[in-house]
Amino acid sequence: MLHSTQEMKDYAIGATDGEIGHVVDFFFDDQSWVIRYLVVETGSWLMSRKVLISPFALQDADWMHKRLPVQITREQVKHSPDVDTQKPVSRQHEMAYADYYGYPYYWDGSGLWGDGLYAPQLVSRKDMDISDNPHSSAPLV
């Protein structure tokens, strides 16, 4: 089922240990037209800081309750690299962000998410061209 980004604005982001905040925007890759980050307003628990959440962190969405669970903690978000969400994200910031969370660099390789990788909650079996990576052992949604 397709969901628009406009529909997903204001969705709650739930960490493994509590709510982080809500989606206020998205950063898209302007060459491959894929969501690279969700911009999340943290609210009062973190002085209304805006943080980036990678699609790598997403788990199965709770569409009925407008909630996107993520596989990170509030503490990780609290100490994540700062970003000015009013400007494009620099490659230097992306490297610091990916290193902090232990995510692969999506720009390494030919796929949308690097060498044969994909953000599983944003890609369905129908959307993937399996012939691009016939040896992938990653499970398909």
Protein backbone atom coordinates (compact mmCIF):
# COMPACT_ATOMS: atom_id res chain seq x y z
CA MET A 1 0.00 0.00 0.00
CA LEU A 2 1.34 3.44 -0.90
CA HIS A 3 1.35 6.27 1.61
CA SER A 4 2.13 9.87 0.76
CA THR A 5 4.76 11.83 2.63
CA GLN A 6 2.14 14.49 3.28
CA GLU A 7 0.05 11.85 5.07
CA MET A 8 3.07 10.82 7.16
CA LYS A 9 3.74 14.31 8.49
CA ASP A 10 2.87 14.43 12.19
CA TYR A 11 3.29 10.66 12.56
CA ALA A 12 4.77 9.83 15.96
CA ILE A 13 8.25 8.33 16.01
CA GLY A 14 8.58 5.67 18.67
CA ALA A 15 12.03 4.66 19.89
CA THR A 16 12.66 1.37 21.67
CA ASP A 17 12.35 3.21 25.01
CA GLY A 18 9.68 5.86 24.37
CA GLU A 19 8.49 8.50 21.97
CA ILE A 20 11.04 10.66 20.16
CA GLY A 21 8.76 13.18 18.51
CA HIS A 22 6.86 13.56 15.25
CA VAL A 23 7.70 13.80 11.55
CA VAL A 24 7.79 17.36 10.23
CA ASP A 25 9.59 16.91 6.92
CA PHE A 26 11.70 14.66 4.71
CA PHE A 27 15.06 14.93 2.98
CA PHE A 28 14.96 13.42 -0.51
CA ASP A 29 17.87 12.42 -2.69
CA ASP A 30 17.33 14.66 -5.71
CA GLN A 31 19.08 12.25 -8.08
CA SER A 32 17.46 8.94 -7.19
CA TRP A 33 14.22 10.27 -5.65
CA VAL A 34 14.38 8.28 -2.46
CA ILE A 35 13.76 9.42 1.11
CA ARG A 36 17.14 9.70 2.83
CA TYR A 37 15.98 11.06 6.20
CA LEU A 38 12.86 11.85 8.16
CA VAL A 39 13.09 15.21 9.93
CA VAL A 40 11.68 14.76 13.42
CA GLU A 41 10.71 17.49 15.90
CA THR A 42 11.59 16.09 19.32
CA GLY A 43 9.28 18.24 21.40
CA SER A 44 9.95 19.38 24.94
CA TRP A 45 11.99 16.37 26.11
CA LEU A 46 14.89 17.53 23.93
CA MET A 47 14.13 21.27 23.75
CA SER A 48 12.23 20.91 20.45
CA ARG A 49 15.39 19.93 18.61
CA LYS A 50 15.00 18.69 15.05
CA VAL A 51 16.82 15.44 14.35
CA LEU A 52 17.26 13.19 11.35
CA ILE A 53 16.04 9.61 11.37
CA SER A 54 17.32 7.28 8.67
CA PRO A 55 14.96 4.82 6.96
CA PHE A 56 17.45 2.17 8.11
CA ALA A 57 16.02 2.64 11.62
CA LEU A 58 12.38 2.12 10.61
CA GLN A 59 10.42 -0.92 11.70
CA ASP A 60 6.90 -1.96 10.66
CA ALA A 61 4.68 1.12 10.58
CA ASP A 62 1.52 1.29 12.67
CA TRP A 63 -0.60 3.03 10.04
CA MET A 64 -3.79 2.87 12.10
CA HIS A 65 -2.23 4.75 15.03
CA LYS A 66 -0.04 6.98 12.85
CA ARG A 67 3.16 5.76 14.48
CA LEU A 68 6.53 4.84 13.01
CA PRO A 69 8.59 2.68 15.37
CA VAL A 70 12.36 2.88 15.05
CA GLN A 71 15.15 0.60 16.24
CA ILE A 72 17.05 3.29 18.15
CA THR A 73 16.84 4.72 21.67
CA ARG A 74 16.01 8.18 22.93
CA GLU A 75 19.52 8.35 24.38
CA GLN A 76 21.01 7.72 20.93
CA VAL A 77 18.85 10.50 19.49
CA LYS A 78 19.83 12.83 22.32
CA HIS A 79 23.53 12.45 21.46
CA SER A 80 23.15 12.26 17.67
CA PRO A 81 25.02 14.74 15.46
CA ASP A 82 23.37 18.15 15.17
CA VAL A 83 22.02 19.23 11.80
CA ASP A 84 20.63 22.47 10.43
CA THR A 85 17.43 21.22 8.80
CA GLN A 86 17.06 24.51 6.93
CA LYS A 87 20.08 23.65 4.76
CA PRO A 88 21.03 20.68 2.58
CA VAL A 89 22.74 17.89 4.50
CA SER A 90 26.45 17.84 3.69
CA ARG A 91 28.30 14.62 2.92
CA GLN A 92 30.47 15.31 5.96
CA HIS A 93 27.37 15.39 8.18
CA GLU A 94 26.01 12.23 6.53
CA MET A 95 29.28 10.45 7.27
CA ALA A 96 29.19 11.54 10.93
CA TYR A 97 25.54 10.46 11.16
CA ALA A 98 26.12 7.06 9.52
CA ASP A 99 29.21 6.43 11.65
CA TYR A 100 27.34 7.39 14.84
CA TYR A 101 24.50 4.93 14.18
CA GLY A 102 26.63 2.30 12.44
CA TYR A 103 24.77 2.58 9.12
CA PRO A 104 26.45 1.87 5.79
CA TYR A 105 27.17 4.75 3.41
CA TYR A 106 24.37 4.69 0.86
CA TRP A 107 26.60 6.41 -1.72
CA ASP A 108 29.02 3.45 -1.76
CA GLY A 109 27.85 1.21 -4.55
CA SER A 110 25.32 1.18 -7.32
CA GLY A 111 22.08 0.53 -5.42
CA LEU A 112 19.82 3.12 -3.82
CA TRP A 113 21.25 2.23 -0.41
CA GLY A 114 24.77 1.13 -1.31
CA ASP A 115 26.04 -2.23 -2.45
CA GLY A 116 22.94 -4.40 -2.59
CA LEU A 117 21.38 -2.77 0.46
CA TYR A 118 17.94 -1.30 0.85
CA ALA A 119 15.86 0.20 3.63
CA PRO A 120 13.38 -2.67 4.04
CA GLN A 121 10.45 -0.65 5.39
CA LEU A 122 10.45 1.63 2.35
CA VAL A 123 10.77 -1.03 -0.33
CA SER A 124 8.36 -3.83 -1.09
CA ARG A 125 9.04 -6.98 -3.08
CA LYS A 126 7.15 -5.45 -6.03
CA ASP A 127 9.34 -2.32 -5.97
CA MET A 128 12.66 -4.17 -6.06
CA ASP A 129 14.30 -5.28 -9.26
CA ILE A 130 15.78 -8.53 -7.97
CA SER A 131 17.84 -8.90 -11.14
CA ASP A 132 19.94 -5.94 -9.91
CA ASN A 133 21.28 -8.12 -7.10
CA PRO A 134 20.54 -11.80 -7.73
CA HIS A 135 22.90 -12.93 -4.94
CA SER A 136 21.38 -10.83 -2.18
CA SER A 137 20.54 -12.82 0.92
CA ALA A 138 18.55 -9.99 2.49
CA PRO A 139 14.93 -10.86 3.27
CA LEU A 140 12.32 -9.14 1.15
CA VAL A 141 9.29 -7.46 2.61
